[in-house]
Amino acid sequence: MGQADGRDEERPVHRVRVAPFRLCRYQVTERDFAAFRRAGRPAAPACLPVTSVSWFDAIEFCAWLSREWGFPVRLPTEAEWEFAARGGLEQKRYPWGDEPVTAREGYAERWHNGPEPVGQSAPNAYGLFEMCENVHEWCSDWYDPRYYGDSPEDNPRGPETGARKASRGGAWRHHIKIARCAARSSIPPEFRYADYGFRIAADLRP
C-alpha cells in the first residue's frame, strides 16, 4: 500500500495481506439505491452511479442488501480497495499502469457535467470498472493520515475511532478526473456530496 513519491498520508509504503473477498464490478447505481429507498418498487434511473449519499446511507444500503441477498454485504476497507484498484499491478500509479490519465481513451471529452454511467471505461485486470474515477467511493475505515505508520500487516481496518471516514478514487468534479491507486481522501460520515458514491464488498463465501 502507498506510494513512495505520493502525499504524506500515503507513506510509508508497506506490504499488507487481505483475506479473500469479493468486490462489485460497478459502483452502486441510482437504480440500485432507489430499489432500497422504495422497498423494491421499480426505479427509473438506470446506470448512473448514485451520488450525494453519506457514509451512513451507504451502511444502511449494505444492511438492506444483506437481508435481501441472505449474506453479509459491506463497504470495502481501504486496504481491500487499493488491492482491487491495482488489479495485480503492484506499485503502479493507476489501474492500467503508469501511463498518464490524459492517455485514457476519450479523457478530454468526459465528465464535463457530472458522473457517467458505470461501465464506460475499460476494466482493470480484475474486471473492475471505474476504479479511481467517476465518483469517490466510501470505505469502511475511519481515517487517520498517520495510520500507515503503525498499520497491521493482516487485514488492516483503520483506527478504532475518528471524525472522518476514508474514501478512495477520483471524481468528475476534480480538475484531474482520475486518482492514483494510492491516493487517500476523507470527509465526515454525515456529509453528502455530488461526487461521492460507493461500491459494495463481501467476504468470500465457501
C-alpha atoms as a PDB file:
ATOM      1  CA  MET A   1       0.000   0.000   0.000  1.00  0.00           C
ATOM      2  CA  GLY A   2       1.018   3.582  -0.510  1.00  0.00           C
ATOM      3  CA  GLN A   3       3.294   5.428  -2.899  1.00  0.00           C
ATOM      4  CA  ALA A   4       6.847   6.489  -2.098  1.00  0.00           C
ATOM      5  CA  ASP A   5       6.594   9.780  -4.014  1.00  0.00           C
ATOM      6  CA  GLY A   6       2.979  10.405  -3.036  1.00  0.00           C
ATOM      7  CA  ARG A   7       1.468  12.598  -0.354  1.00  0.00           C
ATOM      8  CA  ASP A   8       2.470  12.339   3.309  1.00  0.00           C
ATOM      9  CA  GLU A   9      -0.570  10.220   4.211  1.00  0.00           C
ATOM     10  CA  GLU A  10       0.420   7.650   1.561  1.00  0.00           C
ATOM     11  CA  ARG A  11       3.707   6.867   3.293  1.00  0.00           C
ATOM     12  CA  PRO A  12       5.448   4.744   4.324  1.00  0.00           C
ATOM     13  CA  VAL A  13       4.868   2.227   1.554  1.00  0.00           C
ATOM     14  CA  HIS A  14       4.133  -1.044   3.328  1.00  0.00           C
ATOM     15  CA  ARG A  15       3.017  -4.555   2.493  1.00  0.00           C
ATOM     16  CA  VAL A  16      -0.270  -5.912   3.854  1.00  0.00           C
ATOM     17  CA  ARG A  17      -2.271  -9.085   3.410  1.00  0.00           C
ATOM     18  CA  VAL A  18      -6.035  -9.079   2.910  1.00  0.00           C
ATOM     19  CA  ALA A  19      -8.273 -12.109   3.261  1.00  0.00           C
ATOM     20  CA  PRO A  20     -10.085 -13.227   0.088  1.00  0.00           C
ATOM     21  CA  PHE A  21     -13.086 -11.007  -0.640  1.00  0.00           C
ATOM     22  CA  ARG A  22     -15.495 -10.006  -3.368  1.00  0.00           C
ATOM     23  CA  LEU A  23     -15.911  -6.514  -4.774  1.00  0.00           C
ATOM     24  CA  CYS A  24     -18.706  -5.379  -7.074  1.00  0.00           C
ATOM     25  CA  ARG A  25     -17.590  -4.750 -10.648  1.00  0.00           C
ATOM     26  CA  TYR A  26     -19.504  -1.451 -10.721  1.00  0.00           C
ATOM     27  CA  GLN A  27     -20.280   1.465  -8.458  1.00  0.00           C
ATOM     28  CA  VAL A  28     -23.753   1.256  -6.903  1.00  0.00           C
ATOM     29  CA  THR A  29     -26.207   2.906  -9.300  1.00  0.00           C
ATOM     30  CA  GLU A  30     -29.185   5.189  -8.832  1.00  0.00           C
ATOM     31  CA  ARG A  31     -31.455   2.292  -9.748  1.00  0.00           C
ATOM     32  CA  ASP A  32     -29.863   0.065  -7.105  1.00  0.00           C
ATOM     33  CA  PHE A  33     -30.268   2.721  -4.445  1.00  0.00           C
ATOM     34  CA  ALA A  34     -33.795   3.625  -5.472  1.00  0.00           C
ATOM     35  CA  ALA A  35     -34.843  -0.006  -5.001  1.00  0.00           C
ATOM     36  CA  PHE A  36     -33.587   0.264  -1.427  1.00  0.00           C
ATOM     37  CA  ARG A  37     -35.315   3.589  -0.749  1.00  0.00           C
ATOM     38  CA  ARG A  38     -38.588   2.455  -2.302  1.00  0.00           C
ATOM     39  CA  ALA A  39     -38.563  -1.013  -0.751  1.00  0.00           C
ATOM     40  CA  GLY A  40     -38.216  -2.814  -4.050  1.00  0.00           C
ATOM     41  CA  ARG A  41     -40.600  -0.801  -6.230  1.00  0.00           C
ATOM     42  CA  PRO A  42     -39.446  -0.226  -9.830  1.00  0.00           C
ATOM     43  CA  ALA A  43     -36.995   2.632 -10.162  1.00  0.00           C
ATOM     44  CA  ALA A  44     -36.276   4.736 -13.220  1.00  0.00           C
ATOM     45  CA  PRO A  45     -32.645   5.949 -13.460  1.00  0.00           C
ATOM     46  CA  ALA A  46     -30.543   3.104 -14.738  1.00  0.00           C
ATOM     47  CA  CYS A  47     -26.768   3.126 -14.856  1.00  0.00           C
ATOM     48  CA  LEU A  48     -25.605   6.397 -13.314  1.00  0.00           C
ATOM     49  CA  PRO A  49     -23.738   5.907 -10.039  1.00  0.00           C
ATOM     50  CA  VAL A  50     -25.703   7.050  -7.028  1.00  0.00           C
ATOM     51  CA  THR A  51     -24.261  10.241  -5.528  1.00  0.00           C
ATOM     52  CA  SER A  52     -24.946  12.571  -2.600  1.00  0.00           C
ATOM     53  CA  VAL A  53     -25.067   9.638  -0.218  1.00  0.00           C
ATOM     54  CA  SER A  54     -23.497   9.816   3.213  1.00  0.00           C
ATOM     55  CA  TRP A  55     -21.420   7.040   4.729  1.00  0.00           C
ATOM     56  CA  PHE A  56     -24.424   6.228   6.925  1.00  0.00           C
ATOM     57  CA  ASP A  57     -26.637   5.960   3.826  1.00  0.00           C
ATOM     58  CA  ALA A  58     -24.166   3.500   2.308  1.00  0.00           C
ATOM     59  CA  ILE A  59     -24.126   1.430   5.507  1.00  0.00           C
ATOM     60  CA  GLU A  60     -27.948   1.317   5.539  1.00  0.00           C
ATOM     61  CA  PHE A  61     -27.944   0.159   1.920  1.00  0.00           C
ATOM     62  CA  CYS A  62     -25.493  -2.622   2.760  1.00  0.00           C
ATOM     63  CA  ALA A  63     -27.661  -3.772   5.672  1.00  0.00           C
ATOM     64  CA  TRP A  64     -30.756  -3.816   3.437  1.00  0.00           C
ATOM     65  CA  LEU A  65     -28.990  -5.693   0.634  1.00  0.00           C
ATOM     66  CA  SER A  66     -27.604  -8.193   3.134  1.00  0.00           C
ATOM     67  CA  ARG A  67     -31.164  -9.032   4.128  1.00  0.00           C
ATOM     68  CA  GLU A  68     -32.297  -9.208   0.504  1.00  0.00           C
ATOM     69  CA  TRP A  69     -29.463 -11.497  -0.587  1.00  0.00           C
ATOM     70  CA  GLY A  70     -29.174 -13.551   2.580  1.00  0.00           C
ATOM     71  CA  PHE A  71     -25.467 -12.971   3.188  1.00  0.00           C
ATOM     72  CA  PRO A  72     -23.441 -10.045   4.579  1.00  0.00           C
ATOM     73  CA  VAL A  73     -22.619  -7.177   2.238  1.00  0.00           C
ATOM     74  CA  ARG A  74     -20.440  -4.281   3.375  1.00  0.00           C
ATOM     75  CA  LEU A  75     -18.171  -1.440   2.321  1.00  0.00           C
ATOM     76  CA  PRO A  76     -14.578  -2.363   1.451  1.00  0.00           C
ATOM     77  CA  THR A  77     -11.686  -1.427   3.673  1.00  0.00           C
ATOM     78  CA  GLU A  78      -9.038   0.946   2.337  1.00  0.00           C
ATOM     79  CA  ALA A  79      -6.640  -1.997   2.024  1.00  0.00           C
ATOM     80  CA  GLU A  80      -9.149  -4.065   0.039  1.00  0.00           C
ATOM     81  CA  TRP A  81      -9.995  -1.130  -2.186  1.00  0.00           C
ATOM     82  CA  GLU A  82      -6.363  -0.372  -3.039  1.00  0.00           C
ATOM     83  CA  PHE A  83      -5.603  -4.050  -3.650  1.00  0.00           C
ATOM     84  CA  ALA A  84      -8.576  -4.261  -6.012  1.00  0.00           C
ATOM     85  CA  ALA A  85      -7.832  -0.959  -7.771  1.00  0.00           C
ATOM     86  CA  ARG A  86      -4.303  -2.050  -8.675  1.00  0.00           C
ATOM     87  CA  GLY A  87      -5.605  -5.134 -10.461  1.00  0.00           C
ATOM     88  CA  GLY A  88      -2.410  -7.046  -9.716  1.00  0.00           C
ATOM     89  CA  LEU A  89      -0.100  -4.276 -10.976  1.00  0.00           C
ATOM     90  CA  GLU A  90       1.979  -3.773  -7.861  1.00  0.00           C
ATOM     91  CA  GLN A  91       3.165  -0.217  -7.223  1.00  0.00           C
ATOM     92  CA  LYS A  92       1.773   1.142 -10.499  1.00  0.00           C
ATOM     93  CA  ARG A  93       0.184   4.561 -10.293  1.00  0.00           C
ATOM     94  CA  TYR A  94      -3.129   3.713 -11.965  1.00  0.00           C
ATOM     95  CA  PRO A  95      -5.257   0.607 -12.557  1.00  0.00           C
ATOM     96  CA  TRP A  96      -3.829   0.335 -16.079  1.00  0.00           C
ATOM     97  CA  GLY A  97      -0.183   1.084 -15.227  1.00  0.00           C
ATOM     98  CA  ASP A  98       1.904   4.264 -15.182  1.00  0.00           C
ATOM     99  CA  GLU A  99       0.641   5.952 -18.351  1.00  0.00           C
ATOM    100  CA  PRO A 100      -0.812   9.409 -17.554  1.00  0.00           C
ATOM    101  CA  VAL A 101      -4.548   9.926 -17.161  1.00  0.00           C
ATOM    102  CA  THR A 102      -4.620  12.008 -20.339  1.00  0.00           C
ATOM    103  CA  ALA A 103      -3.778   8.816 -22.255  1.00  0.00           C
ATOM    104  CA  ARG A 104      -7.079   7.271 -21.108  1.00  0.00           C
ATOM    105  CA  GLU A 105      -9.355   6.890 -24.151  1.00  0.00           C
ATOM    106  CA  GLY A 106     -11.623   9.920 -24.566  1.00  0.00           C
ATOM    107  CA  TYR A 107     -10.359  11.550 -21.367  1.00  0.00           C
ATOM    108  CA  ALA A 108     -10.675  15.143 -22.621  1.00  0.00           C
ATOM    109  CA  GLU A 109     -14.304  14.628 -23.672  1.00  0.00           C
ATOM    110  CA  ARG A 110     -15.539  13.023 -20.460  1.00  0.00           C
ATOM    111  CA  TRP A 111     -17.066  14.183 -17.172  1.00  0.00           C
ATOM    112  CA  HIS A 112     -17.879  17.760 -18.147  1.00  0.00           C
ATOM    113  CA  ASN A 113     -21.224  17.981 -16.348  1.00  0.00           C
ATOM    114  CA  GLY A 114     -21.369  15.082 -13.927  1.00  0.00           C
ATOM    115  CA  PRO A 115     -20.655  11.386 -13.451  1.00  0.00           C
ATOM    116  CA  GLU A 116     -21.135   8.993 -16.346  1.00  0.00           C
ATOM    117  CA  PRO A 117     -22.969   5.653 -16.498  1.00  0.00           C
ATOM    118  CA  VAL A 118     -20.992   2.819 -14.976  1.00  0.00           C
ATOM    119  CA  GLY A 119     -19.033   0.513 -17.259  1.00  0.00           C
ATOM    120  CA  GLN A 120     -17.866   3.224 -19.668  1.00  0.00           C
ATOM    121  CA  SER A 121     -14.128   2.761 -19.114  1.00  0.00           C
ATOM    122  CA  ALA A 122     -12.124  -0.366 -19.815  1.00  0.00           C
ATOM    123  CA  PRO A 123     -11.965  -2.585 -16.694  1.00  0.00           C
ATOM    124  CA  ASN A 124      -8.745  -3.294 -14.882  1.00  0.00           C
ATOM    125  CA  ALA A 125      -7.142  -6.743 -14.862  1.00  0.00           C
ATOM    126  CA  TYR A 126      -9.550  -7.903 -12.124  1.00  0.00           C
ATOM    127  CA  GLY A 127     -12.568  -6.964 -14.259  1.00  0.00           C
ATOM    128  CA  LEU A 128     -13.476  -3.937 -12.121  1.00  0.00           C
ATOM    129  CA  PHE A 129     -14.866  -0.804 -13.777  1.00  0.00           C
ATOM    130  CA  GLU A 130     -14.223   2.845 -12.884  1.00  0.00           C
ATOM    131  CA  MET A 131     -11.751   2.156 -10.109  1.00  0.00           C
ATOM    132  CA  CYS A 132     -10.138   5.552  -9.387  1.00  0.00           C
ATOM    133  CA  GLU A 133     -12.664   7.538 -11.442  1.00  0.00           C
ATOM    134  CA  ASN A 134     -16.251   8.782 -11.858  1.00  0.00           C
ATOM    135  CA  VAL A 135     -17.153   9.251  -8.157  1.00  0.00           C
ATOM    136  CA  HIS A 136     -15.328   8.997  -4.849  1.00  0.00           C
ATOM    137  CA  GLU A 137     -16.113   5.725  -3.074  1.00  0.00           C
ATOM    138  CA  TRP A 138     -16.739   5.400   0.656  1.00  0.00           C
ATOM    139  CA  CYS A 139     -14.638   2.872   2.556  1.00  0.00           C
ATOM    140  CA  SER A 140     -15.453   1.308   5.917  1.00  0.00           C
ATOM    141  CA  ASP A 141     -12.399   2.694   7.759  1.00  0.00           C
ATOM    142  CA  TRP A 142     -12.126   5.682   9.999  1.00  0.00           C
ATOM    143  CA  TYR A 143      -9.460   7.944   8.531  1.00  0.00           C
ATOM    144  CA  ASP A 144      -6.115   8.824  10.082  1.00  0.00           C
ATOM    145  CA  PRO A 145      -3.403  10.426   7.912  1.00  0.00           C
ATOM    146  CA  ARG A 146      -0.739   8.775  10.118  1.00  0.00           C
ATOM    147  CA  TYR A 147      -2.278   5.303  10.094  1.00  0.00           C
ATOM    148  CA  TYR A 148       0.292   3.787   7.734  1.00  0.00           C
ATOM    149  CA  GLY A 149       2.984   4.273  10.386  1.00  0.00           C
ATOM    150  CA  ASP A 150       1.525   1.511  12.568  1.00  0.00           C
ATOM    151  CA  SER A 151      -0.936  -0.298  10.294  1.00  0.00           C
ATOM    152  CA  PRO A 152      -1.093  -4.066  10.978  1.00  0.00           C
ATOM    153  CA  GLU A 153       0.118  -6.424   8.262  1.00  0.00           C
ATOM    154  CA  ASP A 154      -3.023  -8.566   8.205  1.00  0.00           C
ATOM    155  CA  ASN A 155      -6.398  -7.159   7.161  1.00  0.00           C
ATOM    156  CA  PRO A 156      -5.923  -3.543   8.292  1.00  0.00           C
ATOM    157  CA  ARG A 157      -9.271  -1.929   9.030  1.00  0.00           C
ATOM    158  CA  GLY A 158      -8.282   1.569  10.069  1.00  0.00           C
ATOM    159  CA  PRO A 159      -8.286   3.158  13.537  1.00  0.00           C
ATOM    160  CA  GLU A 160     -10.951   2.330  16.090  1.00  0.00           C
ATOM    161  CA  THR A 161     -12.439   5.833  16.111  1.00  0.00           C
ATOM    162  CA  GLY A 162     -12.213   9.098  14.243  1.00  0.00           C
ATOM    163  CA  ALA A 163     -14.041  12.137  12.910  1.00  0.00           C
ATOM    164  CA  ARG A 164     -13.787  11.375   9.182  1.00  0.00           C
ATOM    165  CA  LYS A 165     -14.372   8.274   7.079  1.00  0.00           C
ATOM    166  CA  ALA A 166     -11.919   7.197   4.411  1.00  0.00           C
ATOM    167  CA  SER A 167     -12.773   7.331   0.731  1.00  0.00           C
ATOM    168  CA  ARG A 168     -10.917   6.337  -2.399  1.00  0.00           C
ATOM    169  CA  GLY A 169     -10.858   7.054  -6.101  1.00  0.00           C
ATOM    170  CA  GLY A 170     -11.160  10.156  -8.245  1.00  0.00           C
ATOM    171  CA  ALA A 171     -14.296  12.038  -9.190  1.00  0.00           C
ATOM    172  CA  TRP A 172     -15.831  14.030 -12.011  1.00  0.00           C
ATOM    173  CA  ARG A 173     -15.708  17.377 -10.165  1.00  0.00           C
ATOM    174  CA  HIS A 174     -11.912  17.499  -9.902  1.00  0.00           C
ATOM    175  CA  HIS A 175      -9.540  19.152 -12.351  1.00  0.00           C
ATOM    176  CA  ILE A 176      -7.727  15.803 -12.670  1.00  0.00           C
ATOM    177  CA  LYS A 177     -10.575  13.334 -13.079  1.00  0.00           C
ATOM    178  CA  ILE A 178      -8.759  10.081 -12.269  1.00  0.00           C
ATOM    179  CA  ALA A 179      -6.909   9.464  -8.997  1.00  0.00           C
ATOM    180  CA  ARG A 180      -3.848   7.362  -8.336  1.00  0.00           C
ATOM    181  CA  CYS A 181      -4.444   3.936  -6.751  1.00  0.00           C
ATOM    182  CA  ALA A 182      -2.643   5.045  -3.586  1.00  0.00           C
ATOM    183  CA  ALA A 183      -4.439   8.394  -3.197  1.00  0.00           C
ATOM    184  CA  ARG A 184      -6.415   8.724   0.046  1.00  0.00           C
ATOM    185  CA  SER A 185      -9.223  11.118   0.904  1.00  0.00           C
ATOM    186  CA  SER A 186     -11.809  11.563   3.654  1.00  0.00           C
ATOM    187  CA  ILE A 187     -14.823  13.570   4.791  1.00  0.00           C
ATOM    188  CA  PRO A 188     -17.134  13.394   7.833  1.00  0.00           C
ATOM    189  CA  PRO A 189     -19.503  10.410   7.537  1.00  0.00           C
ATOM    190  CA  GLU A 190     -22.669  12.529   7.614  1.00  0.00           C
ATOM    191  CA  PHE A 191     -21.675  14.636   4.594  1.00  0.00           C
ATOM    192  CA  ARG A 192     -23.383  14.174   1.231  1.00  0.00           C
ATOM    193  CA  TYR A 193     -21.522  15.423  -1.836  1.00  0.00           C
ATOM    194  CA  ALA A 194     -22.448  15.288  -5.527  1.00  0.00           C
ATOM    195  CA  ASP A 195     -19.254  13.400  -6.317  1.00  0.00           C
ATOM    196  CA  TYR A 196     -19.488  10.766  -3.570  1.00  0.00           C
ATOM    197  CA  GLY A 197     -20.825   7.247  -4.094  1.00  0.00           C
ATOM    198  CA  PHE A 198     -19.731   3.716  -3.199  1.00  0.00           C
ATOM    199  CA  ARG A 199     -19.423   0.092  -4.267  1.00  0.00           C
ATOM    200  CA  ILE A 200     -20.092  -2.992  -2.194  1.00  0.00           C
ATOM    201  CA  ALA A 201     -17.851  -5.774  -0.934  1.00  0.00           C
ATOM    202  CA  ALA A 202     -18.376  -9.125   0.761  1.00  0.00           C
ATOM    203  CA  ASP A 203     -16.260 -11.790   2.386  1.00  0.00           C
ATOM    204  CA  LEU A 204     -15.543 -14.697   0.075  1.00  0.00           C
ATOM    205  CA  ARG A 205     -18.026 -17.459   0.811  1.00  0.00           C
ATOM    206  CA  PRO A 206     -17.031 -21.143   0.631  1.00  0.00           C
END
